[in-house]
C-alpha atoms as a PDB file:
ATOM      1  CA  MET A   1      18.008   5.408  -7.408  1.00  0.00           C
ATOM      2  CA  LYS A   2      17.020   7.097  -4.109  1.00  0.00           C
ATOM      3  CA  ASN A   3      19.026  10.228  -4.994  1.00  0.00           C
ATOM      4  CA  ARG A   4      17.349  10.267  -8.397  1.00  0.00           C
ATOM      5  CA  ARG A   5      13.922  10.019  -6.738  1.00  0.00           C
ATOM      6  CA  LYS A   6      14.665  12.945  -4.426  1.00  0.00           C
ATOM      7  CA  PHE A   7      15.937  15.056  -7.316  1.00  0.00           C
ATOM      8  CA  ILE A   8      12.842  14.322  -9.402  1.00  0.00           C
ATOM      9  CA  GLN A   9      10.453  15.023  -6.504  1.00  0.00           C
ATOM     10  CA  MET A  10      12.180  18.232  -5.518  1.00  0.00           C
ATOM     11  CA  SER A  11      12.353  19.378  -9.147  1.00  0.00           C
ATOM     12  CA  THR A  12       8.599  18.702  -9.446  1.00  0.00           C
ATOM     13  CA  VAL A  13       7.819  20.888  -6.429  1.00  0.00           C
ATOM     14  CA  LEU A  14      10.251  23.637  -7.334  1.00  0.00           C
ATOM     15  CA  GLY A  15       9.314  23.523 -10.974  1.00  0.00           C
ATOM     16  CA  ALA A  16       5.710  24.183 -10.069  1.00  0.00           C
ATOM     17  CA  GLY A  17       6.863  27.235  -8.108  1.00  0.00           C
ATOM     18  CA  ALA A  18       8.583  28.668 -11.162  1.00  0.00           C
ATOM     19  CA  PHE A  19       5.171  29.425 -12.637  1.00  0.00           C
ATOM     20  CA  LEU A  20       3.786  31.326  -9.649  1.00  0.00           C
ATOM     21  CA  PRO A  21       3.020  35.030  -9.943  1.00  0.00           C
ATOM     22  CA  LEU A  22       5.668  37.306  -8.308  1.00  0.00           C
ATOM     23  CA  GLN A  23       3.365  38.186  -5.391  1.00  0.00           C
ATOM     24  CA  PHE A  24       3.563  34.563  -4.288  1.00  0.00           C
ATOM     25  CA  CYS A  25       7.407  34.484  -4.355  1.00  0.00           C
ATOM     26  CA  THR A  26       8.038  36.506  -1.172  1.00  0.00           C
ATOM     27  CA  PRO A  27       9.971  34.842   1.631  1.00  0.00           C
ATOM     28  CA  PRO A  28       7.747  32.429   3.586  1.00  0.00           C
ATOM     29  CA  LYS A  29       6.592  33.002   7.077  1.00  0.00           C
ATOM     30  CA  LYS A  30       7.988  30.697   9.757  1.00  0.00           C
ATOM     31  CA  GLU A  31       4.940  28.437   9.808  1.00  0.00           C
ATOM     32  CA  GLU A  32       4.908  28.345   6.008  1.00  0.00           C
ATOM     33  CA  SER A  33       8.584  27.406   5.960  1.00  0.00           C
ATOM     34  CA  THR A  34       7.935  24.492   8.321  1.00  0.00           C
ATOM     35  CA  SER A  35       5.169  23.284   6.004  1.00  0.00           C
ATOM     36  CA  ASN A  36       7.414  23.618   2.939  1.00  0.00           C
ATOM     37  CA  GLU A  37      10.130  21.614   4.674  1.00  0.00           C
ATOM     38  CA  LEU A  38       7.711  18.777   5.184  1.00  0.00           C
ATOM     39  CA  ILE A  39       6.642  18.912   1.529  1.00  0.00           C
ATOM     40  CA  LEU A  40      10.265  18.812   0.370  1.00  0.00           C
ATOM     41  CA  GLY A  41      11.066  15.932   2.731  1.00  0.00           C
ATOM     42  CA  ALA A  42      13.435  17.988   4.886  1.00  0.00           C
ATOM     43  CA  ALA A  43      11.923  16.523   7.998  1.00  0.00           C
ATOM     44  CA  LYS A  44      13.787  13.227   8.065  1.00  0.00           C
ATOM     45  CA  GLY A  45      11.817  10.239   9.350  1.00  0.00           C
ATOM     46  CA  ILE A  46      12.656   6.575   9.670  1.00  0.00           C
ATOM     47  CA  LEU A  47      11.288   5.356   6.335  1.00  0.00           C
ATOM     48  CA  ASP A  48      13.306   6.129   3.243  1.00  0.00           C
ATOM     49  CA  ASP A  49      10.661   4.550   1.044  1.00  0.00           C
ATOM     50  CA  PHE A  50       6.923   4.087   1.336  1.00  0.00           C
ATOM     51  CA  GLY A  51       4.065   3.641  -1.066  1.00  0.00           C
ATOM     52  CA  ILE A  52       0.380   4.200  -1.693  1.00  0.00           C
ATOM     53  CA  GLN A  53      -2.338   1.802  -2.796  1.00  0.00           C
ATOM     54  CA  LEU A  54      -3.894   3.478  -5.842  1.00  0.00           C
ATOM     55  CA  TYR A  55      -7.362   2.396  -4.682  1.00  0.00           C
ATOM     56  CA  SER A  56      -7.102   5.273  -2.226  1.00  0.00           C
ATOM     57  CA  VAL A  57      -7.431   7.693  -5.180  1.00  0.00           C
ATOM     58  CA  LYS A  58      -9.479   5.473  -7.465  1.00  0.00           C
ATOM     59  CA  GLU A  59     -11.738   8.185  -8.776  1.00  0.00           C
ATOM     60  CA  ASN A  60      -8.780  10.351  -9.719  1.00  0.00           C
ATOM     61  CA  MET A  61      -7.116   7.359 -11.396  1.00  0.00           C
ATOM     62  CA  ALA A  62     -10.255   6.713 -13.438  1.00  0.00           C
ATOM     63  CA  GLU A  63     -10.292  10.367 -14.543  1.00  0.00           C
ATOM     64  CA  ASP A  64      -6.595  10.789 -15.378  1.00  0.00           C
ATOM     65  CA  ALA A  65      -4.200   8.085 -14.267  1.00  0.00           C
ATOM     66  CA  VAL A  66      -1.027   9.797 -15.449  1.00  0.00           C
ATOM     67  CA  ALA A  67      -1.743  13.130 -13.803  1.00  0.00           C
ATOM     68  CA  THR A  68      -2.758  11.388 -10.588  1.00  0.00           C
ATOM     69  CA  ILE A  69       0.454   9.378 -10.423  1.00  0.00           C
ATOM     70  CA  ARG A  70       2.534  12.453 -11.164  1.00  0.00           C
ATOM     71  CA  ALA A  71       0.892  14.267  -8.228  1.00  0.00           C
ATOM     72  CA  LEU A  72       1.483  11.302  -5.910  1.00  0.00           C
ATOM     73  CA  ALA A  73       5.188  11.326  -6.811  1.00  0.00           C
ATOM     74  CA  SER A  74       5.357  15.017  -5.948  1.00  0.00           C
ATOM     75  CA  TYR A  75       3.928  14.294  -2.499  1.00  0.00           C
ATOM     76  CA  GLY A  76       6.941  12.094  -1.671  1.00  0.00           C
ATOM     77  CA  TYR A  77       5.726   8.565  -2.352  1.00  0.00           C
ATOM     78  CA  THR A  78       8.452   6.375  -3.813  1.00  0.00           C
ATOM     79  CA  GLN A  79       6.442   3.230  -4.316  1.00  0.00           C
ATOM     80  CA  ILE A  80       3.134   2.388  -5.994  1.00  0.00           C
ATOM     81  CA  GLU A  81       0.815  -0.559  -5.332  1.00  0.00           C
ATOM     82  CA  GLY A  82      -1.779  -0.942  -8.034  1.00  0.00           C
ATOM     83  CA  PHE A  83      -5.163  -2.520  -8.555  1.00  0.00           C
ATOM     84  CA  ASP A  84      -7.303  -3.389 -11.547  1.00  0.00           C
ATOM     85  CA  GLY A  85      -9.633  -0.423 -12.056  1.00  0.00           C
ATOM     86  CA  GLY A  86     -11.244  -1.874 -15.139  1.00  0.00           C
ATOM     87  CA  LYS A  87      -8.451  -1.010 -17.535  1.00  0.00           C
ATOM     88  CA  GLY A  88      -6.014  -3.628 -16.197  1.00  0.00           C
ATOM     89  CA  ILE A  89      -3.240  -3.039 -13.645  1.00  0.00           C
ATOM     90  CA  PHE A  90      -1.393  -0.917 -16.231  1.00  0.00           C
ATOM     91  CA  TRP A  91      -4.353   1.426 -16.759  1.00  0.00           C
ATOM     92  CA  GLY A  92      -4.714   0.891 -20.505  1.00  0.00           C
ATOM     93  CA  MET A  93      -0.957   1.161 -21.154  1.00  0.00           C
ATOM     94  CA  LYS A  94       1.438  -1.582 -22.073  1.00  0.00           C
ATOM     95  CA  ASN A  95       3.417  -2.850 -19.132  1.00  0.00           C
ATOM     96  CA  THR A  96       6.583  -1.303 -20.554  1.00  0.00           C
ATOM     97  CA  GLU A  97       4.852   2.054 -21.048  1.00  0.00           C
ATOM     98  CA  PHE A  98       3.730   2.001 -17.418  1.00  0.00           C
ATOM     99  CA  LYS A  99       7.233   1.124 -16.352  1.00  0.00           C
ATOM    100  CA  THR A 100       8.631   4.111 -18.270  1.00  0.00           C
ATOM    101  CA  LEU A 101       6.134   6.407 -16.482  1.00  0.00           C
ATOM    102  CA  MET A 102       7.256   5.046 -13.122  1.00  0.00           C
ATOM    103  CA  ASP A 103      10.959   5.440 -14.005  1.00  0.00           C
ATOM    104  CA  ASP A 104      10.461   8.973 -15.215  1.00  0.00           C
ATOM    105  CA  LEU A 105       8.938   9.895 -11.855  1.00  0.00           C
ATOM    106  CA  GLY A 106      11.416   7.953  -9.730  1.00  0.00           C
ATOM    107  CA  LEU A 107       8.763   5.505  -8.594  1.00  0.00           C
ATOM    108  CA  ASP A 108       8.891   1.748  -8.067  1.00  0.00           C
ATOM    109  CA  PHE A 109       5.783  -0.203  -9.157  1.00  0.00           C
ATOM    110  CA  ILE A 110       6.356  -2.832  -6.525  1.00  0.00           C
ATOM    111  CA  ALA A 111       3.061  -4.714  -6.573  1.00  0.00           C
ATOM    112  CA  SER A 112      -0.522  -4.885  -7.658  1.00  0.00           C
ATOM    113  CA  HIS A 113      -3.751  -6.323  -6.398  1.00  0.00           C
ATOM    114  CA  ALA A 114      -5.078  -8.549  -9.174  1.00  0.00           C
ATOM    115  CA  ASN A 115      -7.463 -11.396  -9.933  1.00  0.00           C
ATOM    116  CA  THR A 116      -4.944 -14.130  -9.374  1.00  0.00           C
ATOM    117  CA  PHE A 117      -7.507 -16.834 -10.154  1.00  0.00           C
ATOM    118  CA  GLU A 118      -7.599 -15.935 -13.856  1.00  0.00           C
ATOM    119  CA  ASN A 119      -4.799 -15.545 -16.443  1.00  0.00           C
ATOM    120  CA  LEU A 120      -2.159 -15.630 -13.767  1.00  0.00           C
ATOM    121  CA  GLU A 121       0.558 -16.927 -16.099  1.00  0.00           C
ATOM    122  CA  LEU A 122       0.161 -13.909 -18.393  1.00  0.00           C
ATOM    123  CA  GLN A 123      -0.151 -11.452 -15.513  1.00  0.00           C
ATOM    124  CA  ALA A 124       2.948 -12.895 -13.845  1.00  0.00           C
ATOM    125  CA  GLU A 125       4.914 -12.737 -17.104  1.00  0.00           C
ATOM    126  CA  GLN A 126       3.993  -9.073 -17.696  1.00  0.00           C
ATOM    127  CA  ALA A 127       4.676  -8.098 -14.094  1.00  0.00           C
ATOM    128  CA  SER A 128       8.021  -9.863 -14.014  1.00  0.00           C
ATOM    129  CA  ALA A 129       9.114  -8.263 -17.252  1.00  0.00           C
ATOM    130  CA  ILE A 130       9.040  -4.789 -15.707  1.00  0.00           C
ATOM    131  CA  GLY A 131      10.580  -5.748 -12.367  1.00  0.00           C
ATOM    132  CA  MET A 132       7.473  -5.879 -10.199  1.00  0.00           C
ATOM    133  CA  LYS A 133       7.926  -7.739  -6.899  1.00  0.00           C
ATOM    134  CA  TYR A 134       4.433  -9.048  -6.135  1.00  0.00           C
ATOM    135  CA  LEU A 135       1.043  -9.985  -7.455  1.00  0.00           C
ATOM    136  CA  ILE A 136      -1.465  -9.893  -4.606  1.00  0.00           C
ATOM    137  CA  CYS A 137      -4.857 -11.603  -4.174  1.00  0.00           C
ATOM    138  CA  PRO A 138      -6.894  -8.887  -2.493  1.00  0.00           C
ATOM    139  CA  TRP A 139     -10.174 -10.695  -1.710  1.00  0.00           C
ATOM    140  CA  VAL A 140     -11.681 -14.154  -1.531  1.00  0.00           C
ATOM    141  CA  GLY A 141     -14.731 -13.251   0.532  1.00  0.00           C
ATOM    142  CA  PRO A 142     -16.162 -14.995   3.603  1.00  0.00           C
ATOM    143  CA  GLN A 143     -16.256 -18.795   3.163  1.00  0.00           C
ATOM    144  CA  LYS A 144     -18.945 -21.213   4.337  1.00  0.00           C
ATOM    145  CA  SER A 145     -16.616 -23.755   5.906  1.00  0.00           C
ATOM    146  CA  MET A 146     -13.021 -24.433   6.837  1.00  0.00           C
ATOM    147  CA  ASP A 147     -12.903 -26.886   3.920  1.00  0.00           C
ATOM    148  CA  ASP A 148     -13.223 -23.862   1.689  1.00  0.00           C
ATOM    149  CA  PHE A 149     -10.239 -22.204   3.330  1.00  0.00           C
ATOM    150  CA  LYS A 150      -8.306 -25.482   3.021  1.00  0.00           C
ATOM    151  CA  ARG A 151      -8.910 -25.381  -0.703  1.00  0.00           C
ATOM    152  CA  LEU A 152      -7.801 -21.746  -0.766  1.00  0.00           C
ATOM    153  CA  ALA A 153      -4.525 -22.636   0.935  1.00  0.00           C
ATOM    154  CA  GLU A 154      -3.907 -25.161  -1.841  1.00  0.00           C
ATOM    155  CA  ASP A 155      -4.819 -22.570  -4.463  1.00  0.00           C
ATOM    156  CA  PHE A 156      -2.439 -20.029  -2.871  1.00  0.00           C
ATOM    157  CA  ASN A 157       0.449 -22.509  -2.992  1.00  0.00           C
ATOM    158  CA  LYS A 158      -0.262 -23.184  -6.669  1.00  0.00           C
ATOM    159  CA  GLN A 159      -0.476 -19.480  -7.460  1.00  0.00           C
ATOM    160  CA  GLY A 160       2.766 -18.977  -5.559  1.00  0.00           C
ATOM    161  CA  GLU A 161       4.427 -21.576  -7.738  1.00  0.00           C
ATOM    162  CA  ILE A 162       3.302 -19.722 -10.898  1.00  0.00           C
ATOM    163  CA  CYS A 163       4.571 -16.420  -9.618  1.00  0.00           C
ATOM    164  CA  GLN A 164       7.875 -17.921  -8.483  1.00  0.00           C
ATOM    165  CA  LYS A 165       8.372 -19.482 -11.923  1.00  0.00           C
ATOM    166  CA  HIS A 166       8.258 -15.957 -13.384  1.00  0.00           C
ATOM    167  CA  GLY A 167      10.564 -14.443 -10.761  1.00  0.00           C
ATOM    168  CA  LEU A 168       8.118 -12.668  -8.516  1.00  0.00           C
ATOM    169  CA  ARG A 169       6.159 -13.370  -5.349  1.00  0.00           C
ATOM    170  CA  PHE A 170       2.519 -14.114  -4.574  1.00  0.00           C
ATOM    171  CA  ALA A 171       0.799 -12.633  -1.517  1.00  0.00           C
ATOM    172  CA  TYR A 172      -2.699 -12.588   0.021  1.00  0.00           C
ATOM    173  CA  HIS A 173      -4.168  -9.391   1.398  1.00  0.00           C
ATOM    174  CA  ASN A 174      -6.491  -9.927   4.398  1.00  0.00           C
ATOM    175  CA  HIS A 175      -9.821  -8.482   5.301  1.00  0.00           C
ATOM    176  CA  GLY A 176     -11.600  -8.954   8.577  1.00  0.00           C
ATOM    177  CA  TYR A 177     -13.407 -12.180   7.721  1.00  0.00           C
ATOM    178  CA  THR A 178     -10.297 -14.359   7.940  1.00  0.00           C
ATOM    179  CA  PHE A 179      -9.914 -13.358  11.574  1.00  0.00           C
ATOM    180  CA  VAL A 180     -13.474 -14.424  12.556  1.00  0.00           C
ATOM    181  CA  GLU A 181     -13.683 -17.884  14.162  1.00  0.00           C
ATOM    182  CA  LEU A 182     -15.145 -20.587  11.930  1.00  0.00           C
ATOM    183  CA  GLU A 183     -15.712 -24.142  13.100  1.00  0.00           C
ATOM    184  CA  GLY A 184     -13.429 -23.491  16.072  1.00  0.00           C
ATOM    185  CA  GLN A 185     -10.543 -22.180  13.959  1.00  0.00           C
ATOM    186  CA  ILE A 186      -9.255 -18.812  12.853  1.00  0.00           C
ATOM    187  CA  PRO A 187      -9.036 -19.023   9.058  1.00  0.00           C
ATOM    188  CA  GLN A 188      -6.094 -16.572   8.895  1.00  0.00           C
ATOM    189  CA  ASP A 189      -4.121 -18.854  11.205  1.00  0.00           C
ATOM    190  CA  TYR A 190      -4.894 -21.860   9.049  1.00  0.00           C
ATOM    191  CA  LEU A 191      -3.857 -20.080   5.850  1.00  0.00           C
ATOM    192  CA  MET A 192      -0.573 -18.951   7.312  1.00  0.00           C
ATOM    193  CA  GLU A 193       0.278 -22.342   8.784  1.00  0.00           C
ATOM    194  CA  ASN A 194      -0.721 -24.349   5.707  1.00  0.00           C
ATOM    195  CA  THR A 195       0.842 -22.314   2.915  1.00  0.00           C
ATOM    196  CA  ASP A 196       4.460 -22.695   1.909  1.00  0.00           C
ATOM    197  CA  PRO A 197       6.599 -19.771   3.100  1.00  0.00           C
ATOM    198  CA  ALA A 198       8.766 -20.307   0.048  1.00  0.00           C
ATOM    199  CA  LEU A 199       5.775 -19.583  -2.172  1.00  0.00           C
ATOM    200  CA  VAL A 200       3.270 -17.484  -0.274  1.00  0.00           C
ATOM    201  CA  ASP A 201       3.672 -14.153   1.519  1.00  0.00           C
ATOM    202  CA  TYR A 202       1.013 -12.017   3.203  1.00  0.00           C
ATOM    203  CA  GLU A 203       0.069  -8.356   3.061  1.00  0.00           C
ATOM    204  CA  MET A 204      -1.297  -7.294   6.404  1.00  0.00           C
ATOM    205  CA  ASP A 205      -4.121  -4.789   6.224  1.00  0.00           C
ATOM    206  CA  THR A 206      -3.584  -3.473   9.732  1.00  0.00           C
ATOM    207  CA  TYR A 207      -6.974  -1.717   9.764  1.00  0.00           C
ATOM    208  CA  TRP A 208      -8.841  -4.962   9.131  1.00  0.00           C
ATOM    209  CA  VAL A 209      -6.859  -6.945  11.719  1.00  0.00           C
ATOM    210  CA  TYR A 210      -7.637  -4.285  14.310  1.00  0.00           C
ATOM    211  CA  THR A 211     -11.303  -3.921  13.304  1.00  0.00           C
ATOM    212  CA  ALA A 212     -11.667  -7.709  13.693  1.00  0.00           C
ATOM    213  CA  GLY A 213     -10.641  -7.277  17.341  1.00  0.00           C
ATOM    214  CA  LYS A 214      -7.092  -8.670  16.893  1.00  0.00           C
ATOM    215  CA  ASP A 215      -3.699  -7.116  17.593  1.00  0.00           C
ATOM    216  CA  PRO A 216      -1.621  -6.433  14.459  1.00  0.00           C
ATOM    217  CA  ILE A 217       1.597  -6.463  16.482  1.00  0.00           C
ATOM    218  CA  ASP A 218       0.765  -9.852  17.975  1.00  0.00           C
ATOM    219  CA  TYR A 219       0.233 -11.333  14.474  1.00  0.00           C
ATOM    220  CA  ILE A 220       3.368  -9.728  13.077  1.00  0.00           C
ATOM    221  CA  LYS A 221       5.455 -11.226  15.888  1.00  0.00           C
ATOM    222  CA  ARG A 222       3.645 -14.566  15.790  1.00  0.00           C
ATOM    223  CA  TYR A 223       4.470 -15.048  12.078  1.00  0.00           C
ATOM    224  CA  PRO A 224       7.809 -13.338  11.519  1.00  0.00           C
ATOM    225  CA  GLY A 225       8.818 -13.031   7.918  1.00  0.00           C
ATOM    226  CA  ARG A 226       5.353 -13.853   6.548  1.00  0.00           C
ATOM    227  CA  PHE A 227       3.824 -10.350   6.493  1.00  0.00           C
ATOM    228  CA  THR A 228       6.261  -8.804   4.011  1.00  0.00           C
ATOM    229  CA  LEU A 229       3.856  -6.000   3.032  1.00  0.00           C
ATOM    230  CA  GLY A 230       1.676  -3.846   5.235  1.00  0.00           C
ATOM    231  CA  HIS A 231      -1.204  -1.451   4.629  1.00  0.00           C
ATOM    232  CA  VAL A 232      -0.865   1.652   6.802  1.00  0.00           C
ATOM    233  CA  LYS A 233      -4.530   2.489   7.292  1.00  0.00           C
ATOM    234  CA  ASP A 234      -5.804   4.286  10.381  1.00  0.00           C
ATOM    235  CA  LYS A 235      -9.152   3.785  12.136  1.00  0.00           C
ATOM    236  CA  SER A 236     -11.392   6.678  13.220  1.00  0.00           C
ATOM    237  CA  GLY A 237     -12.278   6.814  16.899  1.00  0.00           C
ATOM    238  CA  GLU A 238     -15.384   8.834  16.143  1.00  0.00           C
ATOM    239  CA  LEU A 239     -17.341   5.933  14.656  1.00  0.00           C
ATOM    240  CA  ASN A 240     -18.522   2.614  16.074  1.00  0.00           C
ATOM    241  CA  PHE A 241     -15.557   0.251  16.384  1.00  0.00           C
ATOM    242  CA  GLU A 242     -17.240  -2.371  14.154  1.00  0.00           C
ATOM    243  CA  GLU A 243     -17.912   0.172  11.333  1.00  0.00           C
ATOM    244  CA  PRO A 244     -16.366  -1.430   8.260  1.00  0.00           C
ATOM    245  CA  ASN A 245     -15.843   1.868   6.449  1.00  0.00           C
ATOM    246  CA  GLY A 246     -14.094   3.741   9.191  1.00  0.00           C
ATOM    247  CA  SER A 247     -10.681   4.739   7.926  1.00  0.00           C
ATOM    248  CA  THR A 248      -9.276   8.214   8.474  1.00  0.00           C
ATOM    249  CA  LEU A 249      -6.095  10.239   8.003  1.00  0.00           C
ATOM    250  CA  ILE A 250      -3.063   8.369   9.293  1.00  0.00           C
ATOM    251  CA  GLY A 251      -2.148   9.696  12.738  1.00  0.00           C
ATOM    252  CA  LYS A 252      -5.652  11.084  13.329  1.00  0.00           C
ATOM    253  CA  GLY A 253      -7.144   7.760  14.346  1.00  0.00           C
ATOM    254  CA  ILE A 254      -6.748   5.325  17.180  1.00  0.00           C
ATOM    255  CA  MET A 255      -4.053   3.003  15.863  1.00  0.00           C
ATOM    256  CA  ASP A 256      -0.464   3.185  17.142  1.00  0.00           C
ATOM    257  CA  PHE A 257       1.501   3.159  13.954  1.00  0.00           C
ATOM    258  CA  PRO A 258       4.911   3.893  15.401  1.00  0.00           C
ATOM    259  CA  GLN A 259       4.628   0.700  17.405  1.00  0.00           C
ATOM    260  CA  ILE A 260       2.958  -1.308  14.599  1.00  0.00           C
ATOM    261  CA  LEU A 261       5.538  -0.295  11.993  1.00  0.00           C
ATOM    262  CA  ARG A 262       8.432  -0.805  14.400  1.00  0.00           C
ATOM    263  CA  ALA A 263       7.210  -4.365  14.927  1.00  0.00           C
ATOM    264  CA  GLY A 264       6.854  -4.777  11.192  1.00  0.00           C
ATOM    265  CA  MET A 265      10.402  -3.563  10.461  1.00  0.00           C
ATOM    266  CA  ASP A 266      11.767  -5.881  13.130  1.00  0.00           C
ATOM    267  CA  ASN A 267       9.905  -8.926  11.799  1.00  0.00           C
ATOM    268  CA  GLY A 268      10.409  -8.905   8.034  1.00  0.00           C
ATOM    269  CA  MET A 269       7.917  -6.344   6.748  1.00  0.00           C
ATOM    270  CA  LYS A 270       9.582  -4.673   3.752  1.00  0.00           C
ATOM    271  CA  TYR A 271       6.879  -2.521   2.186  1.00  0.00           C
ATOM    272  CA  PHE A 272       4.682   0.025   3.906  1.00  0.00           C
ATOM    273  CA  ILE A 273       1.701   1.092   1.792  1.00  0.00           C
ATOM    274  CA  VAL A 274      -0.658   3.942   2.644  1.00  0.00           C
ATOM    275  CA  GLU A 275      -4.362   3.259   2.149  1.00  0.00           C
ATOM    276  CA  GLN A 276      -7.449   5.318   2.995  1.00  0.00           C
ATOM    277  CA  GLU A 277     -11.020   4.646   1.859  1.00  0.00           C
ATOM    278  CA  ARG A 278     -13.171   7.088   3.892  1.00  0.00           C
ATOM    279  CA  PHE A 279     -12.693  10.844   3.628  1.00  0.00           C
ATOM    280  CA  ASP A 280     -14.138  13.224   6.178  1.00  0.00           C
ATOM    281  CA  GLY A 281     -13.322  16.884   5.478  1.00  0.00           C
ATOM    282  CA  THR A 282     -10.726  16.103   2.799  1.00  0.00           C
ATOM    283  CA  ASN A 283     -10.749  14.752  -0.703  1.00  0.00           C
ATOM    284  CA  PRO A 284      -8.653  11.683  -1.679  1.00  0.00           C
ATOM    285  CA  MET A 285      -5.769  13.643  -3.160  1.00  0.00           C
ATOM    286  CA  GLU A 286      -5.548  16.003  -0.206  1.00  0.00           C
ATOM    287  CA  ALA A 287      -5.596  13.012   2.105  1.00  0.00           C
ATOM    288  CA  ALA A 288      -2.859  11.319   0.080  1.00  0.00           C
ATOM    289  CA  GLU A 289      -0.661  14.408   0.483  1.00  0.00           C
ATOM    290  CA  LEU A 290      -1.282  14.672   4.203  1.00  0.00           C
ATOM    291  CA  ASN A 291      -0.652  10.929   4.681  1.00  0.00           C
ATOM    292  CA  ALA A 292       2.651  11.261   2.822  1.00  0.00           C
ATOM    293  CA  GLY A 293       3.652  14.072   5.218  1.00  0.00           C
ATOM    294  CA  PHE A 294       2.907  11.772   8.169  1.00  0.00           C
ATOM    295  CA  MET A 295       4.962   8.968   6.669  1.00  0.00           C
ATOM    296  CA  LYS A 296       7.941  11.195   5.889  1.00  0.00           C
ATOM    297  CA  SER A 297       8.113  12.655   9.370  1.00  0.00           C
ATOM    298  CA  LEU A 298       7.424   9.393  11.251  1.00  0.00           C
ATOM    299  CA  VAL A 299      10.039   8.733  13.911  1.00  0.00           C
ATOM    300  CA  PHE A 300       9.968   5.782  16.350  1.00  0.00           C
END
């Protein structure tokens, strides 16, 4: 499958070059050659596979989902994590049609953020039918009391049971609010310690852990095997630390991703998903391409 992905991605890049005018087909300069090697994946990094959360390019997805996904595949992404942009997690297609698109591009549709509190049986059945690995609850919002988080832990266990019955996993994606002390407890800690590891996994949004003043590496090591997915999302050092919308190009911010991802790989994190929500000087697709280049060349 990996060889097929590389063939498809290289064919996409080289195929685009076949339509260039002759004046653009002269031998590249040294610096251009280096850039082209990164695009073609010649600079070998640690990660063979990495993905992107489609919310990073949500406007492009709303305009033309198929064209956007084709472009992402050409950048070197091998995995896709979806979300419900108003047309469902399959963007108006049948689940099997979406699966065919992924297969044609050498992509794995590994997971999607979804409303797991409604129609979960149907969603899990459709996701499992095309080989997805996860359905992920992306947001519950700040809660008024720890009793609310206790009820959520029970809900997560029940949702995990439904997903397990259909052959996939349930996970919860954190924001910053679960790391803010409430009634003398850290809600994230309670959720992790009171959900069944056989039923519930977690997707660490590294940016939100860091923005909440916590150490992502500490949490990864404290709960080995529980954070099976991770959002690779950097934080700008040019904004106030508490700024909620402060993401930037990966590698241009203040987070130490070689160390964070090393800890993840050593403690059960299987999926590494690029996400960026703020764009300063680039547009979302340009940022997606640059972030893919960072991921491909990452060595630690």
